[in-house]
Amino acid sequence: MVDRKRLAEVARYARELHARGWVANHDGNVSVRDDDGRFVATPTAYSKRLVEIDDLLVVDRGGKVLRGRHRLFGEWPLHRAVYDAR
């Protein structure tokens, strides 16, 4: 599973996006591909200002939530397409 250091890093970047005014409250989503082929993502309809480790999702390529209590954002297929293209 994804380590806590990686989760903490993603949560910190989400909060930083909000702090710099680059996203408004619930706008925007953050995702990162982990070394094991899973993805860490911020949940839908959740303020980036408030994101902590326990709020993050771990999902598979298909968008199935493997860890987390929130829902994945609807733009996941776009994020996945970018990862596939890279």
PDB file of N, CA and C in Angstrom:
ATOM      1  N   MET A   1       0.844  -1.181   0.000  1.00  0.00           N
ATOM      2  CA  MET A   1       0.000   0.000   0.000  1.00  0.00           C
ATOM      3  C   MET A   1       0.886   1.240   0.000  1.00  0.00           C
ATOM      4  N   VAL A   2       0.324   2.352  -0.334  1.00  0.00           N
ATOM      5  CA  VAL A   2       1.047   3.615  -0.406  1.00  0.00           C
ATOM      6  C   VAL A   2       1.516   4.012   0.996  1.00  0.00           C
ATOM      7  N   ASP A   3       2.764   4.455   1.083  1.00  0.00           N
ATOM      8  CA  ASP A   3       3.293   4.804   2.415  1.00  0.00           C
ATOM      9  C   ASP A   3       2.804   6.183   2.869  1.00  0.00           C
ATOM     10  N   ARG A   4       2.854   6.386   4.160  1.00  0.00           N
ATOM     11  CA  ARG A   4       2.334   7.623   4.759  1.00  0.00           C
ATOM     12  C   ARG A   4       3.130   8.848   4.326  1.00  0.00           C
ATOM     13  N   LYS A   5       4.388   8.673   4.026  1.00  0.00           N
ATOM     14  CA  LYS A   5       5.198   9.801   3.562  1.00  0.00           C
ATOM     15  C   LYS A   5       4.645  10.333   2.243  1.00  0.00           C
ATOM     16  N   ARG A   6       4.310   9.444   1.335  1.00  0.00           N
ATOM     17  CA  ARG A   6       3.742   9.857   0.046  1.00  0.00           C
ATOM     18  C   ARG A   6       2.387  10.517   0.256  1.00  0.00           C
ATOM     19  N   LEU A   7       1.560   9.945   1.117  1.00  0.00           N
ATOM     20  CA  LEU A   7       0.252  10.539   1.401  1.00  0.00           C
ATOM     21  C   LEU A   7       0.404  11.937   1.997  1.00  0.00           C
ATOM     22  N   ALA A   8       1.344  12.100   2.921  1.00  0.00           N
ATOM     23  CA  ALA A   8       1.572  13.406   3.545  1.00  0.00           C
ATOM     24  C   ALA A   8       2.016  14.432   2.509  1.00  0.00           C
ATOM     25  N   GLU A   9       2.820  14.004   1.570  1.00  0.00           N
ATOM     26  CA  GLU A   9       3.301  14.898   0.517  1.00  0.00           C
ATOM     27  C   GLU A   9       2.142  15.378  -0.368  1.00  0.00           C
ATOM     28  N   VAL A  10       1.263  14.474  -0.749  1.00  0.00           N
ATOM     29  CA  VAL A  10       0.117  14.844  -1.586  1.00  0.00           C
ATOM     30  C   VAL A  10      -0.817  15.790  -0.827  1.00  0.00           C
ATOM     31  N   ALA A  11      -1.072  15.494   0.431  1.00  0.00           N
ATOM     32  CA  ALA A  11      -1.929  16.367   1.244  1.00  0.00           C
ATOM     33  C   ALA A  11      -1.316  17.757   1.359  1.00  0.00           C
ATOM     34  N   ARG A  12      -0.023  17.824   1.543  1.00  0.00           N
ATOM     35  CA  ARG A  12       0.663  19.115   1.658  1.00  0.00           C
ATOM     36  C   ARG A  12       0.548  19.912   0.365  1.00  0.00           C
ATOM     37  N   TYR A  13       0.720  19.259  -0.781  1.00  0.00           N
ATOM     38  CA  TYR A  13       0.586  19.959  -2.061  1.00  0.00           C
ATOM     39  C   TYR A  13      -0.846  20.458  -2.280  1.00  0.00           C
ATOM     40  N   ALA A  14      -1.817  19.674  -1.888  1.00  0.00           N
ATOM     41  CA  ALA A  14      -3.209  20.117  -2.032  1.00  0.00           C
ATOM     42  C   ALA A  14      -3.452  21.377  -1.200  1.00  0.00           C
ATOM     43  N   ARG A  15      -2.986  21.370   0.026  1.00  0.00           N
ATOM     44  CA  ARG A  15      -3.148  22.550   0.886  1.00  0.00           C
ATOM     45  C   ARG A  15      -2.388  23.754   0.331  1.00  0.00           C
ATOM     46  N   GLU A  16      -1.227  23.510  -0.236  1.00  0.00           N
ATOM     47  CA  GLU A  16      -0.422  24.586  -0.824  1.00  0.00           C
ATOM     48  C   GLU A  16      -1.131  25.207  -2.027  1.00  0.00           C
ATOM     49  N   LEU A  17      -1.766  24.405  -2.847  1.00  0.00           N
ATOM     50  CA  LEU A  17      -2.537  24.943  -3.977  1.00  0.00           C
ATOM     51  C   LEU A  17      -3.585  25.933  -3.482  1.00  0.00           C
ATOM     52  N   HIS A  18      -4.272  25.560  -2.414  1.00  0.00           N
ATOM     53  CA  HIS A  18      -5.292  26.441  -1.852  1.00  0.00           C
ATOM     54  C   HIS A  18      -4.654  27.694  -1.254  1.00  0.00           C
ATOM     55  N   ALA A  19      -3.588  27.526  -0.496  1.00  0.00           N
ATOM     56  CA  ALA A  19      -2.941  28.656   0.164  1.00  0.00           C
ATOM     57  C   ALA A  19      -2.436  29.699  -0.837  1.00  0.00           C
ATOM     58  N   ARG A  20      -2.002  29.248  -1.990  1.00  0.00           N
ATOM     59  CA  ARG A  20      -1.506  30.170  -3.019  1.00  0.00           C
ATOM     60  C   ARG A  20      -2.631  30.762  -3.870  1.00  0.00           C
ATOM     61  N   GLY A  21      -3.859  30.326  -3.620  1.00  0.00           N
ATOM     62  CA  GLY A  21      -4.990  30.854  -4.375  1.00  0.00           C
ATOM     63  C   GLY A  21      -5.132  30.263  -5.766  1.00  0.00           C
ATOM     64  N   TRP A  22      -4.513  29.115  -5.998  1.00  0.00           N
ATOM     65  CA  TRP A  22      -4.566  28.496  -7.317  1.00  0.00           C
ATOM     66  C   TRP A  22      -5.819  27.649  -7.506  1.00  0.00           C
ATOM     67  N   VAL A  23      -6.496  27.322  -6.423  1.00  0.00           N
ATOM     68  CA  VAL A  23      -7.791  26.642  -6.480  1.00  0.00           C
ATOM     69  C   VAL A  23      -8.707  27.309  -5.462  1.00  0.00           C
ATOM     70  N   ALA A  24      -9.968  27.343  -5.793  1.00  0.00           N
ATOM     71  CA  ALA A  24     -10.953  27.890  -4.860  1.00  0.00           C
ATOM     72  C   ALA A  24     -11.630  26.731  -4.149  1.00  0.00           C
ATOM     73  N   ASN A  25     -11.646  26.796  -2.862  1.00  0.00           N
ATOM     74  CA  ASN A  25     -12.293  25.832  -1.987  1.00  0.00           C
ATOM     75  C   ASN A  25     -12.347  24.405  -2.522  1.00  0.00           C
ATOM     76  N   HIS A  26     -13.388  24.025  -3.250  1.00  0.00           N
ATOM     77  CA  HIS A  26     -13.557  22.641  -3.698  1.00  0.00           C
ATOM     78  C   HIS A  26     -13.054  22.402  -5.119  1.00  0.00           C
ATOM     79  N   ASP A  27     -12.538  23.441  -5.769  1.00  0.00           N
ATOM     80  CA  ASP A  27     -12.104  23.306  -7.159  1.00  0.00           C
ATOM     81  C   ASP A  27     -10.821  22.502  -7.264  1.00  0.00           C
ATOM     82  N   GLY A  28     -10.633  21.925  -8.419  1.00  0.00           N
ATOM     83  CA  GLY A  28      -9.387  21.240  -8.727  1.00  0.00           C
ATOM     84  C   GLY A  28      -9.232  19.924  -7.996  1.00  0.00           C
ATOM     85  N   ASN A  29      -8.390  19.083  -8.567  1.00  0.00           N
ATOM     86  CA  ASN A  29      -8.100  17.782  -7.980  1.00  0.00           C
ATOM     87  C   ASN A  29      -6.621  17.498  -8.122  1.00  0.00           C
ATOM     88  N   VAL A  30      -6.094  16.772  -7.173  1.00  0.00           N
ATOM     89  CA  VAL A  30      -4.689  16.387  -7.188  1.00  0.00           C
ATOM     90  C   VAL A  30      -4.627  14.875  -7.257  1.00  0.00           C
ATOM     91  N   SER A  31      -3.752  14.381  -8.124  1.00  0.00           N
ATOM     92  CA  SER A  31      -3.511  12.936  -8.162  1.00  0.00           C
ATOM     93  C   SER A  31      -2.039  12.695  -8.461  1.00  0.00           C
ATOM     94  N   VAL A  32      -1.559  11.555  -8.038  1.00  0.00           N
ATOM     95  CA  VAL A  32      -0.179  11.160  -8.291  1.00  0.00           C
ATOM     96  C   VAL A  32      -0.137   9.642  -8.447  1.00  0.00           C
ATOM     97  N   ARG A  33       0.676   9.193  -9.390  1.00  0.00           N
ATOM     98  CA  ARG A  33       0.848   7.744  -9.574  1.00  0.00           C
ATOM     99  C   ARG A  33       1.947   7.276  -8.638  1.00  0.00           C
ATOM    100  N   ASP A  34       1.681   6.210  -7.909  1.00  0.00           N
ATOM    101  CA  ASP A  34       2.663   5.666  -6.987  1.00  0.00           C
ATOM    102  C   ASP A  34       3.495   4.614  -7.716  1.00  0.00           C
ATOM    103  N   ASP A  35       4.598   4.221  -7.117  1.00  0.00           N
ATOM    104  CA  ASP A  35       5.507   3.255  -7.727  1.00  0.00           C
ATOM    105  C   ASP A  35       4.861   1.892  -7.959  1.00  0.00           C
ATOM    106  N   ASP A  36       3.834   1.572  -7.184  1.00  0.00           N
ATOM    107  CA  ASP A  36       3.198   0.255  -7.307  1.00  0.00           C
ATOM    108  C   ASP A  36       2.059   0.234  -8.318  1.00  0.00           C
ATOM    109  N   GLY A  37       1.875   1.330  -9.071  1.00  0.00           N
ATOM    110  CA  GLY A  37       0.829   1.377 -10.090  1.00  0.00           C
ATOM    111  C   GLY A  37      -0.516   1.854  -9.580  1.00  0.00           C
ATOM    112  N   ARG A  38      -0.601   2.141  -8.301  1.00  0.00           N
ATOM    113  CA  ARG A  38      -1.822   2.722  -7.744  1.00  0.00           C
ATOM    114  C   ARG A  38      -1.700   4.241  -7.812  1.00  0.00           C
ATOM    115  N   PHE A  39      -2.797   4.908  -7.486  1.00  0.00           N
ATOM    116  CA  PHE A  39      -2.828   6.360  -7.549  1.00  0.00           C
ATOM    117  C   PHE A  39      -3.345   6.917  -6.235  1.00  0.00           C
ATOM    118  N   VAL A  40      -2.812   8.056  -5.839  1.00  0.00           N
ATOM    119  CA  VAL A  40      -3.308   8.794  -4.689  1.00  0.00           C
ATOM    120  C   VAL A  40      -4.052   9.990  -5.252  1.00  0.00           C
ATOM    121  N   ALA A  41      -5.248  10.266  -4.728  1.00  0.00           N
ATOM    122  CA  ALA A  41      -6.055  11.362  -5.245  1.00  0.00           C
ATOM    123  C   ALA A  41      -6.811  12.060  -4.124  1.00  0.00           C
ATOM    124  N   THR A  42      -7.048  13.345  -4.338  1.00  0.00           N
ATOM    125  CA  THR A  42      -7.915  14.073  -3.422  1.00  0.00           C
ATOM    126  C   THR A  42      -9.362  13.687  -3.731  1.00  0.00           C
ATOM    127  N   PRO A  43     -10.223  13.732  -2.738  1.00  0.00           N
ATOM    128  CA  PRO A  43     -11.626  13.370  -2.973  1.00  0.00           C
ATOM    129  C   PRO A  43     -12.417  14.494  -3.625  1.00  0.00           C
ATOM    130  N   THR A  44     -13.552  14.145  -4.188  1.00  0.00           N
ATOM    131  CA  THR A  44     -14.426  15.136  -4.788  1.00  0.00           C
ATOM    132  C   THR A  44     -15.120  15.967  -3.709  1.00  0.00           C
ATOM    133  N   ALA A  45     -15.448  17.197  -4.064  1.00  0.00           N
ATOM    134  CA  ALA A  45     -16.215  18.098  -3.193  1.00  0.00           C
ATOM    135  C   ALA A  45     -15.613  18.235  -1.808  1.00  0.00           C
ATOM    136  N   TYR A  46     -14.293  18.385  -1.769  1.00  0.00           N
ATOM    137  CA  TYR A  46     -13.590  18.500  -0.497  1.00  0.00           C
ATOM    138  C   TYR A  46     -12.576  19.623  -0.615  1.00  0.00           C
ATOM    139  N   SER A  47     -12.580  20.540   0.311  1.00  0.00           N
ATOM    140  CA  SER A  47     -11.686  21.683   0.253  1.00  0.00           C
ATOM    141  C   SER A  47     -10.228  21.248   0.314  1.00  0.00           C
ATOM    142  N   LYS A  48      -9.440  21.745  -0.623  1.00  0.00           N
ATOM    143  CA  LYS A  48      -8.007  21.444  -0.608  1.00  0.00           C
ATOM    144  C   LYS A  48      -7.348  22.037   0.632  1.00  0.00           C
ATOM    145  N   ARG A  49      -7.934  23.068   1.201  1.00  0.00           N
ATOM    146  CA  ARG A  49      -7.412  23.686   2.427  1.00  0.00           C
ATOM    147  C   ARG A  49      -7.442  22.710   3.599  1.00  0.00           C
ATOM    148  N   LEU A  50      -8.368  21.760   3.575  1.00  0.00           N
ATOM    149  CA  LEU A  50      -8.580  20.862   4.705  1.00  0.00           C
ATOM    150  C   LEU A  50      -7.995  19.462   4.520  1.00  0.00           C
ATOM    151  N   VAL A  51      -7.412  19.187   3.379  1.00  0.00           N
ATOM    152  CA  VAL A  51      -6.966  17.822   3.073  1.00  0.00           C
ATOM    153  C   VAL A  51      -5.859  17.370   4.019  1.00  0.00           C
ATOM    154  N   GLU A  52      -6.093  16.226   4.635  1.00  0.00           N
ATOM    155  CA  GLU A  52      -5.115  15.554   5.487  1.00  0.00           C
ATOM    156  C   GLU A  52      -4.926  14.128   4.958  1.00  0.00           C
ATOM    157  N   ILE A  53      -3.965  13.430   5.491  1.00  0.00           N
ATOM    158  CA  ILE A  53      -3.656  12.074   5.031  1.00  0.00           C
ATOM    159  C   ILE A  53      -4.906  11.185   4.985  1.00  0.00           C
ATOM    160  N   ASP A  54      -5.690  11.203   6.027  1.00  0.00           N
ATOM    161  CA  ASP A  54      -6.848  10.309   6.108  1.00  0.00           C
ATOM    162  C   ASP A  54      -7.969  10.664   5.138  1.00  0.00           C
ATOM    163  N   ASP A  55      -7.889  11.835   4.506  1.00  0.00           N
ATOM    164  CA  ASP A  55      -8.901  12.234   3.532  1.00  0.00           C
ATOM    165  C   ASP A  55      -8.576  11.754   2.130  1.00  0.00           C
ATOM    166  N   LEU A  56      -7.335  11.394   1.899  1.00  0.00           N
ATOM    167  CA  LEU A  56      -6.905  11.006   0.564  1.00  0.00           C
ATOM    168  C   LEU A  56      -7.406   9.617   0.186  1.00  0.00           C
ATOM    169  N   LEU A  57      -7.529   9.424  -1.102  1.00  0.00           N
ATOM    170  CA  LEU A  57      -7.956   8.138  -1.650  1.00  0.00           C
ATOM    171  C   LEU A  57      -6.773   7.443  -2.300  1.00  0.00           C
ATOM    172  N   VAL A  58      -6.774   6.138  -2.258  1.00  0.00           N
ATOM    173  CA  VAL A  58      -5.878   5.330  -3.070  1.00  0.00           C
ATOM    174  C   VAL A  58      -6.785   4.570  -4.022  1.00  0.00           C
ATOM    175  N   VAL A  59      -6.519   4.712  -5.314  1.00  0.00           N
ATOM    176  CA  VAL A  59      -7.381   4.097  -6.324  1.00  0.00           C
ATOM    177  C   VAL A  59      -6.548   3.287  -7.301  1.00  0.00           C
ATOM    178  N   ASP A  60      -7.211   2.334  -7.943  1.00  0.00           N
ATOM    179  CA  ASP A  60      -6.541   1.593  -9.007  1.00  0.00           C
ATOM    180  C   ASP A  60      -6.755   2.336 -10.326  1.00  0.00           C
ATOM    181  N   ARG A  61      -6.177   1.822 -11.389  1.00  0.00           N
ATOM    182  CA  ARG A  61      -6.266   2.477 -12.691  1.00  0.00           C
ATOM    183  C   ARG A  61      -7.703   2.707 -13.132  1.00  0.00           C
ATOM    184  N   GLY A  62      -8.576   1.801 -12.789  1.00  0.00           N
ATOM    185  CA  GLY A  62      -9.979   1.904 -13.171  1.00  0.00           C
ATOM    186  C   GLY A  62     -10.783   2.856 -12.310  1.00  0.00           C
ATOM    187  N   GLY A  63     -10.172   3.408 -11.282  1.00  0.00           N
ATOM    188  CA  GLY A  63     -10.872   4.345 -10.407  1.00  0.00           C
ATOM    189  C   GLY A  63     -11.554   3.698  -9.220  1.00  0.00           C
ATOM    190  N   LYS A  64     -11.299   2.419  -8.998  1.00  0.00           N
ATOM    191  CA  LYS A  64     -11.862   1.750  -7.830  1.00  0.00           C
ATOM    192  C   LYS A  64     -11.126   2.222  -6.583  1.00  0.00           C
ATOM    193  N   VAL A  65     -11.872   2.684  -5.594  1.00  0.00           N
ATOM    194  CA  VAL A  65     -11.276   3.178  -4.358  1.00  0.00           C
ATOM    195  C   VAL A  65     -10.810   1.982  -3.529  1.00  0.00           C
ATOM    196  N   LEU A  66      -9.507   1.931  -3.265  1.00  0.00           N
ATOM    197  CA  LEU A  66      -8.899   0.858  -2.490  1.00  0.00           C
ATOM    198  C   LEU A  66      -8.699   1.264  -1.036  1.00  0.00           C
ATOM    199  N   ARG A  67      -8.634   2.577  -0.819  1.00  0.00           N
ATOM    200  CA  ARG A  67      -8.453   3.119   0.519  1.00  0.00           C
ATOM    201  C   ARG A  67      -9.100   4.495   0.553  1.00  0.00           C
ATOM    202  N   GLY A  68      -9.848   4.750   1.590  1.00  0.00           N
ATOM    203  CA  GLY A  68     -10.460   6.065   1.755  1.00  0.00           C
ATOM    204  C   GLY A  68     -11.948   5.974   1.969  1.00  0.00           C
ATOM    205  N   ARG A  69     -12.480   7.046   2.551  1.00  0.00           N
ATOM    206  CA  ARG A  69     -13.898   7.042   2.893  1.00  0.00           C
ATOM    207  C   ARG A  69     -14.706   8.026   2.060  1.00  0.00           C
ATOM    208  N   HIS A  70     -14.035   8.727   1.143  1.00  0.00           N
ATOM    209  CA  HIS A  70     -14.713   9.704   0.300  1.00  0.00           C
ATOM    210  C   HIS A  70     -14.865   9.160  -1.118  1.00  0.00           C
ATOM    211  N   ARG A  71     -15.496   9.966  -1.974  1.00  0.00           N
ATOM    212  CA  ARG A  71     -15.687   9.569  -3.375  1.00  0.00           C
ATOM    213  C   ARG A  71     -14.603  10.173  -4.262  1.00  0.00           C
ATOM    214  N   LEU A  72     -14.277   9.452  -5.315  1.00  0.00           N
ATOM    215  CA  LEU A  72     -13.321   9.920  -6.304  1.00  0.00           C
ATOM    216  C   LEU A  72     -13.986  10.956  -7.207  1.00  0.00           C
ATOM    217  N   PHE A  73     -13.231  11.938  -7.646  1.00  0.00           N
ATOM    218  CA  PHE A  73     -13.745  12.987  -8.510  1.00  0.00           C
ATOM    219  C   PHE A  73     -14.097  12.451  -9.905  1.00  0.00           C
ATOM    220  N   GLY A  74     -15.074  13.098 -10.532  1.00  0.00           N
ATOM    221  CA  GLY A  74     -15.580  12.645 -11.831  1.00  0.00           C
ATOM    222  C   GLY A  74     -14.598  12.796 -12.972  1.00  0.00           C
ATOM    223  N   GLU A  75     -13.584  13.636 -12.810  1.00  0.00           N
ATOM    224  CA  GLU A  75     -12.593  13.842 -13.870  1.00  0.00           C
ATOM    225  C   GLU A  75     -11.481  12.794 -13.850  1.00  0.00           C
ATOM    226  N   TRP A  76     -11.659  11.757 -13.042  1.00  0.00           N
ATOM    227  CA  TRP A  76     -10.626  10.717 -12.963  1.00  0.00           C
ATOM    228  C   TRP A  76     -10.244  10.176 -14.337  1.00  0.00           C
ATOM    229  N   PRO A  77     -11.185   9.908 -15.256  1.00  0.00           N
ATOM    230  CA  PRO A  77     -10.766   9.399 -16.571  1.00  0.00           C
ATOM    231  C   PRO A  77      -9.792  10.334 -17.303  1.00  0.00           C
ATOM    232  N   LEU A  78      -9.935  11.636 -17.114  1.00  0.00           N
ATOM    233  CA  LEU A  78      -8.997  12.578 -17.723  1.00  0.00           C
ATOM    234  C   LEU A  78      -7.618  12.440 -17.082  1.00  0.00           C
ATOM    235  N   HIS A  79      -7.551  12.360 -15.769  1.00  0.00           N
ATOM    236  CA  HIS A  79      -6.266  12.166 -15.092  1.00  0.00           C
ATOM    237  C   HIS A  79      -5.621  10.862 -15.570  1.00  0.00           C
ATOM    238  N   ARG A  80      -6.422   9.789 -15.628  1.00  0.00           N
ATOM    239  CA  ARG A  80      -5.893   8.488 -16.065  1.00  0.00           C
ATOM    240  C   ARG A  80      -5.358   8.571 -17.495  1.00  0.00           C
ATOM    241  N   ALA A  81      -6.053   9.283 -18.375  1.00  0.00           N
ATOM    242  CA  ALA A  81      -5.598   9.427 -19.766  1.00  0.00           C
ATOM    243  C   ALA A  81      -4.244  10.123 -19.836  1.00  0.00           C
ATOM    244  N   VAL A  82      -4.048  11.118 -18.972  1.00  0.00           N
ATOM    245  CA  VAL A  82      -2.750  11.799 -18.939  1.00  0.00           C
ATOM    246  C   VAL A  82      -1.671  10.840 -18.475  1.00  0.00           C
ATOM    247  N   TYR A  83      -1.953  10.076 -17.423  1.00  0.00           N
ATOM    248  CA  TYR A  83      -0.958   9.090 -16.960  1.00  0.00           C
ATOM    249  C   TYR A  83      -0.667   8.056 -18.047  1.00  0.00           C
ATOM    250  N   ASP A  84      -1.703   7.599 -18.737  1.00  0.00           N
ATOM    251  CA  ASP A  84      -1.494   6.609 -19.805  1.00  0.00           C
ATOM    252  C   ASP A  84      -0.636   7.167 -20.935  1.00  0.00           C
ATOM    253  N   ALA A  85      -0.837   8.440 -21.244  1.00  0.00           N
ATOM    254  CA  ALA A  85      -0.077   9.071 -22.327  1.00  0.00           C
ATOM    255  C   ALA A  85       1.380   9.267 -21.954  1.00  0.00           C
ATOM    256  N   ARG A  86       1.647   9.375 -20.664  1.00  0.00           N
ATOM    257  CA  ARG A  86       3.023   9.591 -20.219  1.00  0.00           C
ATOM    258  C   ARG A  86       3.745   8.269 -20.101  1.00  0.00           C
TER     259      ARG A  86
END
